[in-house]
Protein backbone atom coordinates (compact mmCIF):
# COMPACT_ATOMS: atom_id res chain seq x y z
CA UNK A 1 0.00 0.00 0.00
CA UNK A 2 1.37 3.45 -0.96
CA UNK A 3 1.81 6.03 1.76
CA UNK A 4 2.19 9.80 1.45
CA UNK A 5 3.34 12.62 3.68
CA UNK A 6 0.60 13.54 6.13
CA UNK A 7 -1.14 10.14 6.14
CA UNK A 8 -2.43 9.16 9.57
CA UNK A 9 -1.32 5.60 10.38
CA UNK A 10 -1.32 3.06 13.21
CA UNK A 11 1.37 0.50 14.06
CA UNK A 12 0.23 -3.08 13.49
CA UNK A 13 2.13 -4.67 16.38
CA UNK A 14 2.25 -1.75 18.83
CA UNK A 15 -0.19 0.68 20.42
CA UNK A 16 1.13 3.72 18.56
CA UNK A 17 -0.22 6.00 15.88
CA UNK A 18 0.80 9.24 14.20
CA UNK A 19 1.37 11.10 10.96
CA UNK A 20 3.89 10.20 8.28
CA UNK A 21 6.44 13.02 8.30
CA UNK A 22 9.17 11.51 6.12
CA UNK A 23 9.35 9.14 3.14
CA UNK A 24 12.75 7.44 3.46
CA UNK A 25 12.29 4.92 0.63
CA UNK A 26 9.63 2.59 -0.74
CA UNK A 27 9.83 0.33 2.32
CA UNK A 28 10.66 2.76 5.15
CA UNK A 29 8.90 5.89 6.43
CA UNK A 30 9.17 8.20 9.43
CA UNK A 31 6.10 8.45 11.71
CA UNK A 32 5.70 11.25 14.27
CA UNK A 33 3.33 10.70 17.18
CA UNK A 34 1.79 13.08 19.72
CA UNK A 35 5.08 13.19 21.66
CA UNK A 36 6.73 14.91 18.67
CA UNK A 37 9.35 12.19 18.12
CA UNK A 38 9.83 10.71 14.67
CA UNK A 39 10.16 6.91 14.47
CA UNK A 40 11.41 5.08 11.36
CA UNK A 41 9.22 2.08 10.58
CA UNK A 42 8.73 -0.40 7.74
CA UNK A 43 5.61 0.15 5.67
CA UNK A 44 4.60 -3.47 6.31
CA UNK A 45 4.33 -2.64 10.02
CA UNK A 46 1.75 0.15 9.70
CA UNK A 47 -1.76 0.61 8.37
CA UNK A 48 -3.95 3.57 7.47
CA UNK A 49 -6.41 4.86 10.06
CA UNK A 50 -9.49 5.04 7.90
CA UNK A 51 -11.21 8.39 7.61
CA UNK A 52 -8.02 10.34 8.38
CA UNK A 53 -5.95 10.00 5.22
CA UNK A 54 -4.47 13.26 4.00
CA UNK A 55 -4.96 12.58 0.30
CA UNK A 56 -8.21 11.89 -1.54
CA UNK A 57 -8.28 9.14 -4.12
CA UNK A 58 -9.29 10.67 -7.44
CA UNK A 59 -11.82 8.77 -9.56
CA UNK A 60 -11.70 9.76 -13.20
CA UNK A 61 -14.43 7.33 -14.31
CA UNK A 62 -16.86 9.64 -16.11
CA UNK A 63 -19.76 7.25 -15.45
CA UNK A 64 -19.24 7.60 -11.69
CA UNK A 65 -18.31 11.27 -11.62
CA UNK A 66 -20.94 13.40 -9.90
CA UNK A 67 -21.41 17.05 -10.92
CA UNK A 68 -20.78 19.72 -8.30
CA UNK A 69 -24.02 21.30 -7.10
CA UNK A 70 -23.70 25.01 -6.33
CA UNK A 71 -26.39 26.63 -4.19
CA UNK A 72 -26.80 30.34 -3.59
CA UNK A 73 -24.73 33.13 -5.15
CA UNK A 74 -21.57 32.16 -7.03
CA UNK A 75 -18.45 32.95 -4.97
CA UNK A 76 -15.38 33.75 -7.04
CA UNK A 77 -12.78 34.38 -4.33
CA UNK A 78 -11.67 32.89 -1.02
CA UNK A 79 -8.65 30.56 -1.16
CA UNK A 80 -6.70 30.12 2.06
CA UNK A 81 -3.81 28.19 3.52
CA UNK A 82 -4.80 27.14 7.05
CA UNK A 83 -2.13 25.68 9.33
CA UNK A 84 -3.41 23.64 12.27
CA UNK A 85 -1.48 21.94 15.07
CA UNK A 86 0.30 23.10 18.21
CA UNK A 87 3.69 23.19 19.89
CA UNK A 88 2.83 20.22 22.14
CA UNK A 89 2.32 17.85 19.21
CA UNK A 90 5.08 19.58 17.22
CA UNK A 91 3.22 18.85 13.98
CA UNK A 92 1.85 21.52 11.65
CA UNK A 93 -0.83 20.33 9.24
CA UNK A 94 -1.23 22.44 6.09
CA UNK A 95 -4.83 22.60 4.83
CA UNK A 96 -6.01 24.20 1.60
CA UNK A 97 -9.38 25.87 2.26
CA UNK A 98 -11.58 26.50 -0.79
CA UNK A 99 -14.39 28.92 0.06
CA UNK A 100 -15.12 29.61 -3.61
CA UNK A 101 -17.71 28.03 -5.90
CA UNK A 102 -14.96 26.75 -8.21
CA UNK A 103 -13.46 23.29 -8.41
CA UNK A 104 -9.78 24.09 -7.80
CA UNK A 105 -7.20 22.09 -9.75
CA UNK A 106 -4.14 22.39 -7.55
CA UNK A 107 -0.49 21.53 -8.04
CA UNK A 108 1.44 22.14 -4.82
CA UNK A 109 5.24 21.91 -4.54
CA UNK A 110 7.96 22.79 -2.06
CA UNK A 111 11.31 24.31 -2.97
CA UNK A 112 14.65 24.09 -1.17
CA UNK A 113 18.13 24.89 -2.49
CA UNK A 114 16.59 25.66 -5.92
CA UNK A 115 15.13 22.15 -6.14
CA UNK A 116 11.41 21.41 -6.06
CA UNK A 117 9.35 18.37 -5.15
CA UNK A 118 5.66 17.84 -5.81
CA UNK A 119 3.70 17.36 -2.59
CA UNK A 120 0.08 17.30 -3.76
CA UNK A 121 -1.89 17.35 -7.01
CA UNK A 122 -5.64 17.04 -7.16
CA UNK A 123 -9.08 18.63 -7.31
CA UNK A 124 -10.50 20.50 -4.32
CA UNK A 125 -14.27 20.81 -4.44
CA UNK A 126 -16.13 24.06 -3.67
CA UNK A 127 -16.66 24.86 0.03
CA UNK A 128 -14.23 22.14 1.16
CA UNK A 129 -10.75 21.61 2.60
CA UNK A 130 -7.84 19.33 1.82
CA UNK A 131 -4.70 18.40 3.77
CA UNK A 132 -1.73 18.95 1.47
CA UNK A 133 1.40 18.92 3.64
CA UNK A 134 2.80 18.68 7.15
CA UNK A 135 5.97 19.73 8.94
CA UNK A 136 7.48 20.10 12.41
CA UNK A 137 6.55 23.36 14.10
CA UNK A 138 9.91 23.71 15.83
CA UNK A 139 11.58 23.74 12.40
CA UNK A 140 9.50 26.61 11.01
CA UNK A 141 12.59 28.71 10.30
CA UNK A 142 13.77 26.05 7.84
CA UNK A 143 10.42 25.34 6.19
CA UNK A 144 10.73 25.35 2.39
CA UNK A 145 9.27 27.84 -0.04
CA UNK A 146 5.69 26.85 -0.92
CA UNK A 147 4.53 27.00 -4.53
CA UNK A 148 0.82 26.89 -5.45
CA UNK A 149 -0.56 26.64 -8.97
CA UNK A 150 -4.35 26.85 -9.40
CA UNK A 151 -6.73 26.32 -12.30
CA UNK A 152 -10.39 27.28 -11.89
CA UNK A 153 -13.15 24.99 -13.17
CA UNK A 154 -16.92 25.39 -13.07
CA UNK A 155 -19.93 24.23 -15.07
CA UNK A 156 -21.65 27.55 -14.31
CA UNK A 157 -21.41 30.33 -16.91
CA UNK A 158 -18.73 32.73 -15.68
CA UNK A 159 -16.21 35.28 -16.97
CA UNK A 160 -12.94 33.40 -17.67
CA UNK A 161 -10.66 33.35 -14.63
CA UNK A 162 -6.91 33.16 -15.33
CA UNK A 163 -4.68 30.58 -13.68
CA UNK A 164 -3.19 31.64 -10.36
CA UNK A 165 0.39 31.00 -9.24
CA UNK A 166 1.47 31.90 -5.72
CA UNK A 167 4.78 31.41 -3.92
CA UNK A 168 4.82 31.85 -0.15
CA UNK A 169 7.30 31.47 2.67
CA UNK A 170 6.07 31.09 6.25
CA UNK A 171 8.24 32.79 8.86
CA UNK A 172 8.34 32.18 12.63
CA UNK A 173 6.79 35.62 13.20
CA UNK A 174 3.74 34.56 11.16
CA UNK A 175 2.94 31.91 13.76
CA UNK A 176 3.14 34.39 16.63
CA UNK A 177 -0.28 35.78 15.74
CA UNK A 178 -3.44 34.29 17.23
CA UNK A 179 -5.19 31.49 15.38
CA UNK A 180 -8.55 32.14 13.74
CA UNK A 181 -11.60 29.91 13.67
CA UNK A 182 -12.06 28.27 10.26
CA UNK A 183 -15.67 27.04 9.90
CA UNK A 184 -14.93 24.59 7.07
CA UNK A 185 -12.26 22.95 9.24
CA UNK A 186 -14.23 23.19 12.50
CA UNK A 187 -10.90 24.16 14.04
CA UNK A 188 -8.65 27.12 14.75
CA UNK A 189 -5.70 27.76 12.47
CA UNK A 190 -3.08 30.22 11.35
CA UNK A 191 -4.78 31.59 8.24
CA UNK A 192 -3.16 32.98 5.07
CA UNK A 193 -5.14 34.34 2.12
CA UNK A 194 -3.71 33.09 -1.19
CA UNK A 195 -5.93 34.79 -3.78
CA UNK A 196 -5.79 38.26 -2.29
CA UNK A 197 -5.83 40.95 -4.95
CA UNK A 198 -2.87 43.21 -4.13
CA UNK A 199 -3.42 46.69 -5.53
CA UNK A 200 -0.97 49.61 -5.38
CA UNK A 201 -2.39 53.03 -4.52
CA UNK A 202 -0.51 55.34 -6.93
CA UNK A 203 -1.18 58.51 -4.92
CA UNK A 204 0.04 56.98 -1.64
CA UNK A 205 3.10 55.61 -3.42
CA UNK A 206 3.89 59.09 -4.83
CA UNK A 207 3.39 60.76 -1.44
CA UNK A 208 5.68 58.21 0.20
CA UNK A 209 8.36 58.80 -2.44
CA UNK A 210 8.38 62.59 -2.15
CA UNK A 211 8.13 62.56 1.66
CA UNK A 212 11.51 60.79 1.81
CA UNK A 213 13.32 63.21 -0.50
CA UNK A 214 15.57 65.74 1.28
CA UNK A 215 14.53 69.40 1.11
CA UNK A 216 16.68 71.55 -1.14
CA UNK A 217 17.96 74.83 0.31
C-alpha atoms as a PDB file:
ATOM      1  CA  UNK A   1       0.000   0.000   0.000  1.00  0.00           C
ATOM      2  CA  UNK A   2       1.371   3.445  -0.961  1.00  0.00           C
ATOM      3  CA  UNK A   3       1.809   6.026   1.761  1.00  0.00           C
ATOM      4  CA  UNK A   4       2.194   9.799   1.453  1.00  0.00           C
ATOM      5  CA  UNK A   5       3.341  12.621   3.683  1.00  0.00           C
ATOM      6  CA  UNK A   6       0.597  13.538   6.130  1.00  0.00           C
ATOM      7  CA  UNK A   7      -1.141  10.145   6.136  1.00  0.00           C
ATOM      8  CA  UNK A   8      -2.431   9.164   9.571  1.00  0.00           C
ATOM      9  CA  UNK A   9      -1.324   5.595  10.378  1.00  0.00           C
ATOM     10  CA  UNK A  10      -1.316   3.057  13.211  1.00  0.00           C
ATOM     11  CA  UNK A  11       1.366   0.498  14.061  1.00  0.00           C
ATOM     12  CA  UNK A  12       0.234  -3.076  13.488  1.00  0.00           C
ATOM     13  CA  UNK A  13       2.130  -4.675  16.375  1.00  0.00           C
ATOM     14  CA  UNK A  14       2.248  -1.748  18.829  1.00  0.00           C
ATOM     15  CA  UNK A  15      -0.189   0.681  20.424  1.00  0.00           C
ATOM     16  CA  UNK A  16       1.125   3.717  18.562  1.00  0.00           C
ATOM     17  CA  UNK A  17      -0.218   5.998  15.879  1.00  0.00           C
ATOM     18  CA  UNK A  18       0.800   9.243  14.196  1.00  0.00           C
ATOM     19  CA  UNK A  19       1.373  11.102  10.958  1.00  0.00           C
ATOM     20  CA  UNK A  20       3.895  10.204   8.279  1.00  0.00           C
ATOM     21  CA  UNK A  21       6.439  13.021   8.304  1.00  0.00           C
ATOM     22  CA  UNK A  22       9.167  11.512   6.122  1.00  0.00           C
ATOM     23  CA  UNK A  23       9.348   9.140   3.136  1.00  0.00           C
ATOM     24  CA  UNK A  24      12.748   7.436   3.464  1.00  0.00           C
ATOM     25  CA  UNK A  25      12.292   4.917   0.634  1.00  0.00           C
ATOM     26  CA  UNK A  26       9.632   2.587  -0.745  1.00  0.00           C
ATOM     27  CA  UNK A  27       9.835   0.331   2.317  1.00  0.00           C
ATOM     28  CA  UNK A  28      10.660   2.759   5.146  1.00  0.00           C
ATOM     29  CA  UNK A  29       8.900   5.887   6.431  1.00  0.00           C
ATOM     30  CA  UNK A  30       9.170   8.200   9.431  1.00  0.00           C
ATOM     31  CA  UNK A  31       6.102   8.452  11.707  1.00  0.00           C
ATOM     32  CA  UNK A  32       5.703  11.247  14.270  1.00  0.00           C
ATOM     33  CA  UNK A  33       3.335  10.705  17.182  1.00  0.00           C
ATOM     34  CA  UNK A  34       1.791  13.081  19.720  1.00  0.00           C
ATOM     35  CA  UNK A  35       5.075  13.185  21.655  1.00  0.00           C
ATOM     36  CA  UNK A  36       6.730  14.910  18.671  1.00  0.00           C
ATOM     37  CA  UNK A  37       9.350  12.194  18.124  1.00  0.00           C
ATOM     38  CA  UNK A  38       9.825  10.706  14.665  1.00  0.00           C
ATOM     39  CA  UNK A  39      10.165   6.915  14.472  1.00  0.00           C
ATOM     40  CA  UNK A  40      11.408   5.077  11.358  1.00  0.00           C
ATOM     41  CA  UNK A  41       9.217   2.077  10.580  1.00  0.00           C
ATOM     42  CA  UNK A  42       8.731  -0.399   7.744  1.00  0.00           C
ATOM     43  CA  UNK A  43       5.611   0.150   5.669  1.00  0.00           C
ATOM     44  CA  UNK A  44       4.603  -3.471   6.312  1.00  0.00           C
ATOM     45  CA  UNK A  45       4.329  -2.644  10.025  1.00  0.00           C
ATOM     46  CA  UNK A  46       1.755   0.154   9.703  1.00  0.00           C
ATOM     47  CA  UNK A  47      -1.764   0.606   8.374  1.00  0.00           C
ATOM     48  CA  UNK A  48      -3.948   3.567   7.474  1.00  0.00           C
ATOM     49  CA  UNK A  49      -6.409   4.861  10.058  1.00  0.00           C
ATOM     50  CA  UNK A  50      -9.493   5.043   7.900  1.00  0.00           C
ATOM     51  CA  UNK A  51     -11.209   8.390   7.608  1.00  0.00           C
ATOM     52  CA  UNK A  52      -8.024  10.338   8.380  1.00  0.00           C
ATOM     53  CA  UNK A  53      -5.945   9.997   5.218  1.00  0.00           C
ATOM     54  CA  UNK A  54      -4.473  13.262   3.997  1.00  0.00           C
ATOM     55  CA  UNK A  55      -4.964  12.577   0.299  1.00  0.00           C
ATOM     56  CA  UNK A  56      -8.208  11.888  -1.543  1.00  0.00           C
ATOM     57  CA  UNK A  57      -8.275   9.136  -4.122  1.00  0.00           C
ATOM     58  CA  UNK A  58      -9.287  10.671  -7.442  1.00  0.00           C
ATOM     59  CA  UNK A  59     -11.818   8.770  -9.561  1.00  0.00           C
ATOM     60  CA  UNK A  60     -11.698   9.758 -13.202  1.00  0.00           C
ATOM     61  CA  UNK A  61     -14.431   7.330 -14.311  1.00  0.00           C
ATOM     62  CA  UNK A  62     -16.855   9.636 -16.113  1.00  0.00           C
ATOM     63  CA  UNK A  63     -19.756   7.252 -15.452  1.00  0.00           C
ATOM     64  CA  UNK A  64     -19.245   7.597 -11.689  1.00  0.00           C
ATOM     65  CA  UNK A  65     -18.312  11.268 -11.621  1.00  0.00           C
ATOM     66  CA  UNK A  66     -20.945  13.397  -9.899  1.00  0.00           C
ATOM     67  CA  UNK A  67     -21.415  17.050 -10.920  1.00  0.00           C
ATOM     68  CA  UNK A  68     -20.778  19.717  -8.296  1.00  0.00           C
ATOM     69  CA  UNK A  69     -24.016  21.304  -7.098  1.00  0.00           C
ATOM     70  CA  UNK A  70     -23.701  25.013  -6.326  1.00  0.00           C
ATOM     71  CA  UNK A  71     -26.391  26.626  -4.187  1.00  0.00           C
ATOM     72  CA  UNK A  72     -26.800  30.340  -3.591  1.00  0.00           C
ATOM     73  CA  UNK A  73     -24.731  33.126  -5.153  1.00  0.00           C
ATOM     74  CA  UNK A  74     -21.569  32.156  -7.030  1.00  0.00           C
ATOM     75  CA  UNK A  75     -18.453  32.953  -4.970  1.00  0.00           C
ATOM     76  CA  UNK A  76     -15.382  33.749  -7.039  1.00  0.00           C
ATOM     77  CA  UNK A  77     -12.779  34.378  -4.325  1.00  0.00           C
ATOM     78  CA  UNK A  78     -11.668  32.887  -1.023  1.00  0.00           C
ATOM     79  CA  UNK A  79      -8.649  30.559  -1.160  1.00  0.00           C
ATOM     80  CA  UNK A  80      -6.701  30.120   2.064  1.00  0.00           C
ATOM     81  CA  UNK A  81      -3.811  28.186   3.525  1.00  0.00           C
ATOM     82  CA  UNK A  82      -4.805  27.135   7.053  1.00  0.00           C
ATOM     83  CA  UNK A  83      -2.128  25.676   9.334  1.00  0.00           C
ATOM     84  CA  UNK A  84      -3.411  23.642  12.272  1.00  0.00           C
ATOM     85  CA  UNK A  85      -1.483  21.937  15.075  1.00  0.00           C
ATOM     86  CA  UNK A  86       0.297  23.098  18.209  1.00  0.00           C
ATOM     87  CA  UNK A  87       3.690  23.185  19.895  1.00  0.00           C
ATOM     88  CA  UNK A  88       2.832  20.216  22.138  1.00  0.00           C
ATOM     89  CA  UNK A  89       2.323  17.846  19.209  1.00  0.00           C
ATOM     90  CA  UNK A  90       5.076  19.584  17.217  1.00  0.00           C
ATOM     91  CA  UNK A  91       3.217  18.854  13.977  1.00  0.00           C
ATOM     92  CA  UNK A  92       1.849  21.523  11.654  1.00  0.00           C
ATOM     93  CA  UNK A  93      -0.831  20.331   9.240  1.00  0.00           C
ATOM     94  CA  UNK A  94      -1.232  22.436   6.090  1.00  0.00           C
ATOM     95  CA  UNK A  95      -4.826  22.600   4.832  1.00  0.00           C
ATOM     96  CA  UNK A  96      -6.012  24.199   1.602  1.00  0.00           C
ATOM     97  CA  UNK A  97      -9.376  25.871   2.261  1.00  0.00           C
ATOM     98  CA  UNK A  98     -11.582  26.501  -0.787  1.00  0.00           C
ATOM     99  CA  UNK A  99     -14.395  28.917   0.065  1.00  0.00           C
ATOM    100  CA  UNK A 100     -15.124  29.606  -3.613  1.00  0.00           C
ATOM    101  CA  UNK A 101     -17.710  28.028  -5.898  1.00  0.00           C
ATOM    102  CA  UNK A 102     -14.960  26.745  -8.209  1.00  0.00           C
ATOM    103  CA  UNK A 103     -13.461  23.291  -8.414  1.00  0.00           C
ATOM    104  CA  UNK A 104      -9.785  24.087  -7.798  1.00  0.00           C
ATOM    105  CA  UNK A 105      -7.198  22.095  -9.754  1.00  0.00           C
ATOM    106  CA  UNK A 106      -4.143  22.395  -7.545  1.00  0.00           C
ATOM    107  CA  UNK A 107      -0.490  21.529  -8.038  1.00  0.00           C
ATOM    108  CA  UNK A 108       1.443  22.139  -4.815  1.00  0.00           C
ATOM    109  CA  UNK A 109       5.236  21.910  -4.538  1.00  0.00           C
ATOM    110  CA  UNK A 110       7.959  22.791  -2.060  1.00  0.00           C
ATOM    111  CA  UNK A 111      11.306  24.315  -2.968  1.00  0.00           C
ATOM    112  CA  UNK A 112      14.651  24.088  -1.171  1.00  0.00           C
ATOM    113  CA  UNK A 113      18.131  24.890  -2.491  1.00  0.00           C
ATOM    114  CA  UNK A 114      16.593  25.664  -5.923  1.00  0.00           C
ATOM    115  CA  UNK A 115      15.129  22.147  -6.138  1.00  0.00           C
ATOM    116  CA  UNK A 116      11.414  21.411  -6.058  1.00  0.00           C
ATOM    117  CA  UNK A 117       9.352  18.375  -5.154  1.00  0.00           C
ATOM    118  CA  UNK A 118       5.660  17.841  -5.810  1.00  0.00           C
ATOM    119  CA  UNK A 119       3.701  17.359  -2.591  1.00  0.00           C
ATOM    120  CA  UNK A 120       0.083  17.304  -3.758  1.00  0.00           C
ATOM    121  CA  UNK A 121      -1.894  17.352  -7.005  1.00  0.00           C
ATOM    122  CA  UNK A 122      -5.644  17.038  -7.160  1.00  0.00           C
ATOM    123  CA  UNK A 123      -9.077  18.629  -7.309  1.00  0.00           C
ATOM    124  CA  UNK A 124     -10.496  20.497  -4.316  1.00  0.00           C
ATOM    125  CA  UNK A 125     -14.270  20.806  -4.438  1.00  0.00           C
ATOM    126  CA  UNK A 126     -16.128  24.061  -3.669  1.00  0.00           C
ATOM    127  CA  UNK A 127     -16.656  24.856   0.029  1.00  0.00           C
ATOM    128  CA  UNK A 128     -14.228  22.142   1.158  1.00  0.00           C
ATOM    129  CA  UNK A 129     -10.752  21.614   2.599  1.00  0.00           C
ATOM    130  CA  UNK A 130      -7.843  19.328   1.821  1.00  0.00           C
ATOM    131  CA  UNK A 131      -4.697  18.401   3.767  1.00  0.00           C
ATOM    132  CA  UNK A 132      -1.734  18.946   1.468  1.00  0.00           C
ATOM    133  CA  UNK A 133       1.404  18.916   3.635  1.00  0.00           C
ATOM    134  CA  UNK A 134       2.801  18.684   7.151  1.00  0.00           C
ATOM    135  CA  UNK A 135       5.975  19.729   8.939  1.00  0.00           C
ATOM    136  CA  UNK A 136       7.480  20.097  12.405  1.00  0.00           C
ATOM    137  CA  UNK A 137       6.550  23.359  14.105  1.00  0.00           C
ATOM    138  CA  UNK A 138       9.914  23.715  15.830  1.00  0.00           C
ATOM    139  CA  UNK A 139      11.582  23.739  12.397  1.00  0.00           C
ATOM    140  CA  UNK A 140       9.496  26.613  11.008  1.00  0.00           C
ATOM    141  CA  UNK A 141      12.590  28.712  10.304  1.00  0.00           C
ATOM    142  CA  UNK A 142      13.774  26.053   7.839  1.00  0.00           C
ATOM    143  CA  UNK A 143      10.423  25.338   6.187  1.00  0.00           C
ATOM    144  CA  UNK A 144      10.729  25.346   2.385  1.00  0.00           C
ATOM    145  CA  UNK A 145       9.274  27.845  -0.037  1.00  0.00           C
ATOM    146  CA  UNK A 146       5.694  26.851  -0.922  1.00  0.00           C
ATOM    147  CA  UNK A 147       4.532  26.999  -4.526  1.00  0.00           C
ATOM    148  CA  UNK A 148       0.824  26.888  -5.448  1.00  0.00           C
ATOM    149  CA  UNK A 149      -0.565  26.641  -8.974  1.00  0.00           C
ATOM    150  CA  UNK A 150      -4.350  26.853  -9.402  1.00  0.00           C
ATOM    151  CA  UNK A 151      -6.730  26.319 -12.302  1.00  0.00           C
ATOM    152  CA  UNK A 152     -10.390  27.282 -11.889  1.00  0.00           C
ATOM    153  CA  UNK A 153     -13.145  24.990 -13.168  1.00  0.00           C
ATOM    154  CA  UNK A 154     -16.917  25.387 -13.067  1.00  0.00           C
ATOM    155  CA  UNK A 155     -19.932  24.234 -15.068  1.00  0.00           C
ATOM    156  CA  UNK A 156     -21.650  27.552 -14.312  1.00  0.00           C
ATOM    157  CA  UNK A 157     -21.407  30.332 -16.914  1.00  0.00           C
ATOM    158  CA  UNK A 158     -18.726  32.735 -15.680  1.00  0.00           C
ATOM    159  CA  UNK A 159     -16.215  35.282 -16.968  1.00  0.00           C
ATOM    160  CA  UNK A 160     -12.940  33.399 -17.666  1.00  0.00           C
ATOM    161  CA  UNK A 161     -10.664  33.354 -14.633  1.00  0.00           C
ATOM    162  CA  UNK A 162      -6.909  33.158 -15.329  1.00  0.00           C
ATOM    163  CA  UNK A 163      -4.678  30.582 -13.682  1.00  0.00           C
ATOM    164  CA  UNK A 164      -3.186  31.642 -10.358  1.00  0.00           C
ATOM    165  CA  UNK A 165       0.386  30.997  -9.244  1.00  0.00           C
ATOM    166  CA  UNK A 166       1.467  31.903  -5.717  1.00  0.00           C
ATOM    167  CA  UNK A 167       4.777  31.406  -3.915  1.00  0.00           C
ATOM    168  CA  UNK A 168       4.817  31.853  -0.152  1.00  0.00           C
ATOM    169  CA  UNK A 169       7.299  31.469   2.670  1.00  0.00           C
ATOM    170  CA  UNK A 170       6.066  31.087   6.253  1.00  0.00           C
ATOM    171  CA  UNK A 171       8.240  32.789   8.856  1.00  0.00           C
ATOM    172  CA  UNK A 172       8.342  32.176  12.634  1.00  0.00           C
ATOM    173  CA  UNK A 173       6.788  35.622  13.201  1.00  0.00           C
ATOM    174  CA  UNK A 174       3.742  34.556  11.160  1.00  0.00           C
ATOM    175  CA  UNK A 175       2.935  31.912  13.765  1.00  0.00           C
ATOM    176  CA  UNK A 176       3.138  34.395  16.627  1.00  0.00           C
ATOM    177  CA  UNK A 177      -0.283  35.775  15.737  1.00  0.00           C
ATOM    178  CA  UNK A 178      -3.438  34.294  17.232  1.00  0.00           C
ATOM    179  CA  UNK A 179      -5.190  31.492  15.384  1.00  0.00           C
ATOM    180  CA  UNK A 180      -8.548  32.141  13.745  1.00  0.00           C
ATOM    181  CA  UNK A 181     -11.602  29.913  13.665  1.00  0.00           C
ATOM    182  CA  UNK A 182     -12.056  28.266  10.264  1.00  0.00           C
ATOM    183  CA  UNK A 183     -15.674  27.043   9.903  1.00  0.00           C
ATOM    184  CA  UNK A 184     -14.929  24.594   7.068  1.00  0.00           C
ATOM    185  CA  UNK A 185     -12.262  22.953   9.239  1.00  0.00           C
ATOM    186  CA  UNK A 186     -14.228  23.189  12.498  1.00  0.00           C
ATOM    187  CA  UNK A 187     -10.897  24.155  14.039  1.00  0.00           C
ATOM    188  CA  UNK A 188      -8.652  27.118  14.752  1.00  0.00           C
ATOM    189  CA  UNK A 189      -5.695  27.755  12.468  1.00  0.00           C
ATOM    190  CA  UNK A 190      -3.084  30.223  11.347  1.00  0.00           C
ATOM    191  CA  UNK A 191      -4.778  31.594   8.244  1.00  0.00           C
ATOM    192  CA  UNK A 192      -3.159  32.985   5.068  1.00  0.00           C
ATOM    193  CA  UNK A 193      -5.138  34.340   2.122  1.00  0.00           C
ATOM    194  CA  UNK A 194      -3.709  33.090  -1.188  1.00  0.00           C
ATOM    195  CA  UNK A 195      -5.926  34.787  -3.777  1.00  0.00           C
ATOM    196  CA  UNK A 196      -5.795  38.261  -2.286  1.00  0.00           C
ATOM    197  CA  UNK A 197      -5.831  40.948  -4.945  1.00  0.00           C
ATOM    198  CA  UNK A 198      -2.866  43.213  -4.130  1.00  0.00           C
ATOM    199  CA  UNK A 199      -3.419  46.694  -5.530  1.00  0.00           C
ATOM    200  CA  UNK A 200      -0.974  49.610  -5.378  1.00  0.00           C
ATOM    201  CA  UNK A 201      -2.385  53.034  -4.518  1.00  0.00           C
ATOM    202  CA  UNK A 202      -0.513  55.339  -6.926  1.00  0.00           C
ATOM    203  CA  UNK A 203      -1.184  58.505  -4.916  1.00  0.00           C
ATOM    204  CA  UNK A 204       0.044  56.979  -1.643  1.00  0.00           C
ATOM    205  CA  UNK A 205       3.102  55.613  -3.420  1.00  0.00           C
ATOM    206  CA  UNK A 206       3.890  59.088  -4.835  1.00  0.00           C
ATOM    207  CA  UNK A 207       3.388  60.759  -1.435  1.00  0.00           C
ATOM    208  CA  UNK A 208       5.677  58.211   0.201  1.00  0.00           C
ATOM    209  CA  UNK A 209       8.356  58.798  -2.440  1.00  0.00           C
ATOM    210  CA  UNK A 210       8.376  62.593  -2.148  1.00  0.00           C
ATOM    211  CA  UNK A 211       8.127  62.562   1.657  1.00  0.00           C
ATOM    212  CA  UNK A 212      11.507  60.795   1.814  1.00  0.00           C
ATOM    213  CA  UNK A 213      13.318  63.211  -0.501  1.00  0.00           C
ATOM    214  CA  UNK A 214      15.572  65.737   1.277  1.00  0.00           C
ATOM    215  CA  UNK A 215      14.530  69.403   1.110  1.00  0.00           C
ATOM    216  CA  UNK A 216      16.678  71.546  -1.144  1.00  0.00           C
ATOM    217  CA  UNK A 217      17.957  74.827   0.309  1.00  0.00           C
END
